[in-house]
PDB file of N, CA and C in Angstrom:
ATOM      1  N   UNK A   1      88.490  97.471  93.506  1.00  0.00           N
ATOM      2  CA  UNK A   1      90.065  96.760  93.771  1.00  0.00           C
ATOM      3  C   UNK A   1      91.326  96.765  92.247  1.00  0.00           C
ATOM      4  N   UNK A   2      91.915  97.731  92.641  1.00  0.00           N
ATOM      5  CA  UNK A   2      93.145  98.085  90.995  1.00  0.00           C
ATOM      6  C   UNK A   2      94.043  96.479  91.178  1.00  0.00           C
ATOM      7  N   UNK A   3      94.717  96.018  90.275  1.00  0.00           N
ATOM      8  CA  UNK A   3      94.974  95.133  89.803  1.00  0.00           C
ATOM      9  C   UNK A   3      95.743  96.197  89.207  1.00  0.00           C
ATOM     10  N   UNK A   4      97.700  95.183  89.673  1.00  0.00           N
ATOM     11  CA  UNK A   4      98.959  95.707  88.860  1.00  0.00           C
ATOM     12  C   UNK A   4      99.070  94.837  88.190  1.00  0.00           C
ATOM     13  N   UNK A   5      99.757  95.390  86.735  1.00  0.00           N
ATOM     14  CA  UNK A   5      99.755  95.053  85.701  1.00  0.00           C
ATOM     15  C   UNK A   5     101.878  94.078  86.421  1.00  0.00           C
ATOM     16  N   UNK A   6     101.044  92.922  85.544  1.00  0.00           N
ATOM     17  CA  UNK A   6     102.649  91.761  85.487  1.00  0.00           C
ATOM     18  C   UNK A   6     103.373  92.027  84.729  1.00  0.00           C
ATOM     19  N   UNK A   7     104.147  92.244  84.616  1.00  0.00           N
ATOM     20  CA  UNK A   7     105.296  92.348  83.505  1.00  0.00           C
ATOM     21  C   UNK A   7     106.515  91.512  83.694  1.00  0.00           C
ATOM     22  N   UNK A   8     106.570  90.354  82.197  1.00  0.00           N
ATOM     23  CA  UNK A   8     107.721  89.573  82.019  1.00  0.00           C
ATOM     24  C   UNK A   8     108.649  90.033  82.030  1.00  0.00           C
ATOM     25  N   UNK A   9     110.425  89.187  81.942  1.00  0.00           N
ATOM     26  CA  UNK A   9     111.585  89.363  81.416  1.00  0.00           C
ATOM     27  C   UNK A   9     111.666  90.043  80.517  1.00  0.00           C
ATOM     28  N   UNK A  10     111.109  89.395  79.029  1.00  0.00           N
ATOM     29  CA  UNK A  10     111.286  89.781  77.972  1.00  0.00           C
ATOM     30  C   UNK A  10     110.997  91.162  78.039  1.00  0.00           C
ATOM     31  N   UNK A  11     109.216  91.541  78.643  1.00  0.00           N
ATOM     32  CA  UNK A  11     108.802  92.839  78.377  1.00  0.00           C
ATOM     33  C   UNK A  11     109.818  93.740  79.672  1.00  0.00           C
ATOM     34  N   UNK A  12     109.854  93.829  80.415  1.00  0.00           N
ATOM     35  CA  UNK A  12     111.072  94.138  80.900  1.00  0.00           C
ATOM     36  C   UNK A  12     112.089  94.882  80.098  1.00  0.00           C
ATOM     37  N   UNK A  13     113.066  93.452  79.532  1.00  0.00           N
ATOM     38  CA  UNK A  13     114.256  93.986  78.134  1.00  0.00           C
ATOM     39  C   UNK A  13     113.448  94.729  77.827  1.00  0.00           C
ATOM     40  N   UNK A  14     112.808  94.764  76.902  1.00  0.00           N
ATOM     41  CA  UNK A  14     112.387  95.492  75.965  1.00  0.00           C
ATOM     42  C   UNK A  14     112.392  97.191  76.177  1.00  0.00           C
ATOM     43  N   UNK A  15     111.302  97.259  76.973  1.00  0.00           N
ATOM     44  CA  UNK A  15     111.020  98.766  78.050  1.00  0.00           C
ATOM     45  C   UNK A  15     112.327  99.253  78.519  1.00  0.00           C
ATOM     46  N   UNK A  16     113.421  98.610  78.962  1.00  0.00           N
ATOM     47  CA  UNK A  16     114.711  99.186  79.327  1.00  0.00           C
ATOM     48  C   UNK A  16     115.467  98.996  78.369  1.00  0.00           C
ATOM     49  N   UNK A  17     115.459  98.276  77.121  1.00  0.00           N
ATOM     50  CA  UNK A  17     116.729  98.071  75.512  1.00  0.00           C
ATOM     51  C   UNK A  17     117.939  97.655  76.101  1.00  0.00           C
ATOM     52  N   UNK A  18     117.842  96.432  77.575  1.00  0.00           N
ATOM     53  CA  UNK A  18     118.381  95.298  77.979  1.00  0.00           C
ATOM     54  C   UNK A  18     118.503  93.919  77.792  1.00  0.00           C
ATOM     55  N   UNK A  19     118.936  93.269  78.020  1.00  0.00           N
ATOM     56  CA  UNK A  19     119.034  91.557  77.440  1.00  0.00           C
ATOM     57  C   UNK A  19     117.258  90.925  78.569  1.00  0.00           C
ATOM     58  N   UNK A  20     117.123  89.672  78.280  1.00  0.00           N
ATOM     59  CA  UNK A  20     115.861  89.373  78.794  1.00  0.00           C
ATOM     60  C   UNK A  20     117.346  88.363  80.691  1.00  0.00           C
ATOM     61  N   UNK A  21     118.059  88.163  79.725  1.00  0.00           N
ATOM     62  CA  UNK A  21     119.269  87.257  80.845  1.00  0.00           C
ATOM     63  C   UNK A  21     119.421  88.431  81.720  1.00  0.00           C
ATOM     64  N   UNK A  22     119.712  90.022  80.892  1.00  0.00           N
ATOM     65  CA  UNK A  22     120.347  90.853  82.231  1.00  0.00           C
ATOM     66  C   UNK A  22     119.566  91.533  83.204  1.00  0.00           C
ATOM     67  N   UNK A  23     117.943  90.652  83.332  1.00  0.00           N
ATOM     68  CA  UNK A  23     116.819  91.254  84.143  1.00  0.00           C
ATOM     69  C   UNK A  23     116.541  90.461  84.887  1.00  0.00           C
ATOM     70  N   UNK A  24     116.711  88.603  84.304  1.00  0.00           N
ATOM     71  CA  UNK A  24     116.703  86.981  84.993  1.00  0.00           C
ATOM     72  C   UNK A  24     118.248  87.547  85.888  1.00  0.00           C
ATOM     73  N   UNK A  25     119.192  88.371  85.823  1.00  0.00           N
ATOM     74  CA  UNK A  25     120.035  87.896  86.431  1.00  0.00           C
ATOM     75  C   UNK A  25     119.714  89.713  87.781  1.00  0.00           C
ATOM     76  N   UNK A  26     119.493  90.587  87.607  1.00  0.00           N
ATOM     77  CA  UNK A  26     119.224  91.202  88.420  1.00  0.00           C
ATOM     78  C   UNK A  26     117.682  91.100  89.003  1.00  0.00           C
ATOM     79  N   UNK A  27     117.310  90.734  88.466  1.00  0.00           N
ATOM     80  CA  UNK A  27     115.565  89.555  89.814  1.00  0.00           C
ATOM     81  C   UNK A  27     116.472  88.626  90.402  1.00  0.00           C
ATOM     82  N   UNK A  28     117.373  88.129  90.401  1.00  0.00           N
ATOM     83  CA  UNK A  28     118.171  86.799  90.709  1.00  0.00           C
ATOM     84  C   UNK A  28     118.705  87.770  91.779  1.00  0.00           C
ATOM     85  N   UNK A  29     119.186  89.153  91.305  1.00  0.00           N
ATOM     86  CA  UNK A  29     120.612  89.674  92.585  1.00  0.00           C
ATOM     87  C   UNK A  29     119.676  90.373  93.396  1.00  0.00           C
ATOM     88  N   UNK A  30     118.595  90.598  93.405  1.00  0.00           N
ATOM     89  CA  UNK A  30     117.797  91.486  94.279  1.00  0.00           C
ATOM     90  C   UNK A  30     117.844  92.923  93.561  1.00  0.00           C
ATOM     91  N   UNK A  31     118.385  92.994  92.303  1.00  0.00           N
ATOM     92  CA  UNK A  31     118.449  94.656  92.023  1.00  0.00           C
ATOM     93  C   UNK A  31     117.778  95.187  91.146  1.00  0.00           C
ATOM     94  N   UNK A  32     116.386  94.344  91.376  1.00  0.00           N
ATOM     95  CA  UNK A  32     114.940  95.021  91.047  1.00  0.00           C
ATOM     96  C   UNK A  32     113.637  94.479  91.336  1.00  0.00           C
ATOM     97  N   UNK A  33     113.385  94.963  91.626  1.00  0.00           N
ATOM     98  CA  UNK A  33     112.140  94.114  92.294  1.00  0.00           C
ATOM     99  C   UNK A  33     111.398  93.428  92.047  1.00  0.00           C
ATOM    100  N   UNK A  34     111.078  91.993  92.104  1.00  0.00           N
ATOM    101  CA  UNK A  34     110.340  91.631  91.360  1.00  0.00           C
ATOM    102  C   UNK A  34     109.637  89.819  91.850  1.00  0.00           C
ATOM    103  N   UNK A  35     108.827  88.941  91.439  1.00  0.00           N
ATOM    104  CA  UNK A  35     108.270  87.951  92.285  1.00  0.00           C
ATOM    105  C   UNK A  35     108.894  86.879  91.468  1.00  0.00           C
ATOM    106  N   UNK A  36     109.199  85.179  91.537  1.00  0.00           N
ATOM    107  CA  UNK A  36     109.122  84.155  91.336  1.00  0.00           C
ATOM    108  C   UNK A  36     107.898  83.535  91.589  1.00  0.00           C
ATOM    109  N   UNK A  37     107.687  83.426  90.316  1.00  0.00           N
ATOM    110  CA  UNK A  37     106.070  82.374  89.854  1.00  0.00           C
ATOM    111  C   UNK A  37     106.795  81.189  89.218  1.00  0.00           C
ATOM    112  N   UNK A  38     106.715  79.770  90.087  1.00  0.00           N
ATOM    113  CA  UNK A  38     107.377  79.101  89.121  1.00  0.00           C
ATOM    114  C   UNK A  38     108.502  79.067  88.916  1.00  0.00           C
ATOM    115  N   UNK A  39     108.863  78.731  87.694  1.00  0.00           N
ATOM    116  CA  UNK A  39     110.178  79.168  87.161  1.00  0.00           C
ATOM    117  C   UNK A  39     110.923  80.389  86.914  1.00  0.00           C
ATOM    118  N   UNK A  40     109.732  82.007  86.329  1.00  0.00           N
ATOM    119  CA  UNK A  40     109.949  83.017  85.853  1.00  0.00           C
ATOM    120  C   UNK A  40     109.951  83.685  86.800  1.00  0.00           C
ATOM    121  N   UNK A  41     110.125  84.707  86.825  1.00  0.00           N
ATOM    122  CA  UNK A  41     110.355  86.306  87.228  1.00  0.00           C
ATOM    123  C   UNK A  41     108.522  87.269  86.631  1.00  0.00           C
ATOM    124  N   UNK A  42     107.952  87.525  87.933  1.00  0.00           N
ATOM    125  CA  UNK A  42     107.200  88.323  87.105  1.00  0.00           C
ATOM    126  C   UNK A  42     107.311  89.973  87.941  1.00  0.00           C
ATOM    127  N   UNK A  43     107.870  91.073  87.037  1.00  0.00           N
ATOM    128  CA  UNK A  43     107.766  92.124  87.644  1.00  0.00           C
ATOM    129  C   UNK A  43     106.869  93.665  87.350  1.00  0.00           C
ATOM    130  N   UNK A  44     106.000  93.556  88.693  1.00  0.00           N
ATOM    131  CA  UNK A  44     104.843  94.944  88.634  1.00  0.00           C
ATOM    132  C   UNK A  44     105.279  96.183  87.890  1.00  0.00           C
ATOM    133  N   UNK A  45     104.305  96.516  86.518  1.00  0.00           N
ATOM    134  CA  UNK A  45     104.657  97.140  86.390  1.00  0.00           C
ATOM    135  C   UNK A  45     104.642  99.055  86.851  1.00  0.00           C
ATOM    136  N   UNK A  46     103.886  99.150  87.960  1.00  0.00           N
ATOM    137  CA  UNK A  46     104.244 100.280  89.149  1.00  0.00           C
ATOM    138  C   UNK A  46     105.726 100.295  89.630  1.00  0.00           C
ATOM    139  N   UNK A  47     106.023  98.839  90.386  1.00  0.00           N
ATOM    140  CA  UNK A  47     107.154  98.685  91.024  1.00  0.00           C
ATOM    141  C   UNK A  47     107.859  98.360  89.311  1.00  0.00           C
ATOM    142  N   UNK A  48     108.579  98.357  88.593  1.00  0.00           N
ATOM    143  CA  UNK A  48     109.368  98.880  87.634  1.00  0.00           C
ATOM    144  C   UNK A  48     109.565 100.306  87.718  1.00  0.00           C
ATOM    145  N   UNK A  49     108.633 100.999  87.380  1.00  0.00           N
ATOM    146  CA  UNK A  49     108.279 102.744  87.359  1.00  0.00           C
ATOM    147  C   UNK A  49     109.030 103.155  88.792  1.00  0.00           C
ATOM    148  N   UNK A  50     108.980 102.495  89.732  1.00  0.00           N
ATOM    149  CA  UNK A  50     109.254 103.457  90.697  1.00  0.00           C
ATOM    150  C   UNK A  50     111.088 103.057  90.735  1.00  0.00           C
ATOM    151  N   UNK A  51     110.922 101.825  90.240  1.00  0.00           N
ATOM    152  CA  UNK A  51     112.540 101.891  90.376  1.00  0.00           C
ATOM    153  C   UNK A  51     113.607 101.949  89.544  1.00  0.00           C
ATOM    154  N   UNK A  52     112.847 102.719  88.137  1.00  0.00           N
ATOM    155  CA  UNK A  52     113.338 103.601  87.572  1.00  0.00           C
ATOM    156  C   UNK A  52     113.142 104.640  88.021  1.00  0.00           C
ATOM    157  N   UNK A  53     112.764 105.561  88.646  1.00  0.00           N
ATOM    158  CA  UNK A  53     112.415 106.805  88.436  1.00  0.00           C
ATOM    159  C   UNK A  53     113.828 106.776  89.925  1.00  0.00           C
ATOM    160  N   UNK A  54     113.810 105.845  90.846  1.00  0.00           N
ATOM    161  CA  UNK A  54     115.004 106.030  91.615  1.00  0.00           C
ATOM    162  C   UNK A  54     116.497 105.369  91.061  1.00  0.00           C
ATOM    163  N   UNK A  55     116.629 105.270  89.943  1.00  0.00           N
ATOM    164  CA  UNK A  55     117.938 104.939  89.890  1.00  0.00           C
ATOM    165  C   UNK A  55     118.286 106.300  88.494  1.00  0.00           C
ATOM    166  N   UNK A  56     116.995 107.410  88.092  1.00  0.00           N
ATOM    167  CA  UNK A  56     117.111 108.336  87.735  1.00  0.00           C
ATOM    168  C   UNK A  56     117.620 108.982  89.157  1.00  0.00           C
ATOM    169  N   UNK A  57     117.382 109.259  89.736  1.00  0.00           N
ATOM    170  CA  UNK A  57     118.032 110.078  90.518  1.00  0.00           C
ATOM    171  C   UNK A  57     119.110 110.201  91.358  1.00  0.00           C
ATOM    172  N   UNK A  58     119.179 108.623  91.285  1.00  0.00           N
ATOM    173  CA  UNK A  58     120.092 107.860  91.942  1.00  0.00           C
ATOM    174  C   UNK A  58     121.484 108.807  90.858  1.00  0.00           C
ATOM    175  N   UNK A  59     121.893 108.472  89.334  1.00  0.00           N
ATOM    176  CA  UNK A  59     122.122 108.935  89.282  1.00  0.00           C
ATOM    177  C   UNK A  59     122.493 111.016  88.542  1.00  0.00           C
ATOM    178  N   UNK A  60     121.182 111.672  89.274  1.00  0.00           N
ATOM    179  CA  UNK A  60     120.968 112.480  89.236  1.00  0.00           C
ATOM    180  C   UNK A  60     121.963 113.317  89.879  1.00  0.00           C
ATOM    181  N   UNK A  61     121.610 112.845  91.095  1.00  0.00           N
ATOM    182  CA  UNK A  61     122.092 113.481  92.462  1.00  0.00           C
ATOM    183  C   UNK A  61     123.890 112.994  93.037  1.00  0.00           C
ATOM    184  N   UNK A  62     123.969 111.806  92.346  1.00  0.00           N
ATOM    185  CA  UNK A  62     125.603 111.531  92.295  1.00  0.00           C
ATOM    186  C   UNK A  62     126.728 112.087  91.113  1.00  0.00           C
ATOM    187  N   UNK A  63     126.097 112.593  90.247  1.00  0.00           N
ATOM    188  CA  UNK A  63     126.857 112.841  89.088  1.00  0.00           C
ATOM    189  C   UNK A  63     127.292 113.868  88.990  1.00  0.00           C
TER     190      UNK A  63
END
């Protein structure tokens, strides 16, 4: 059974080069796939990769 790596909002902010606060807001607004564990959001690496690819396609198709 394969486990998926969970990322913190700090990790995602570093990867996307945005602030942790922006990542938290996007998670809260449902703009990015995340699970709330306790008080912290966690994002699966595979979900982040898929979300990012989808955003790249959206920007490519509609521009």
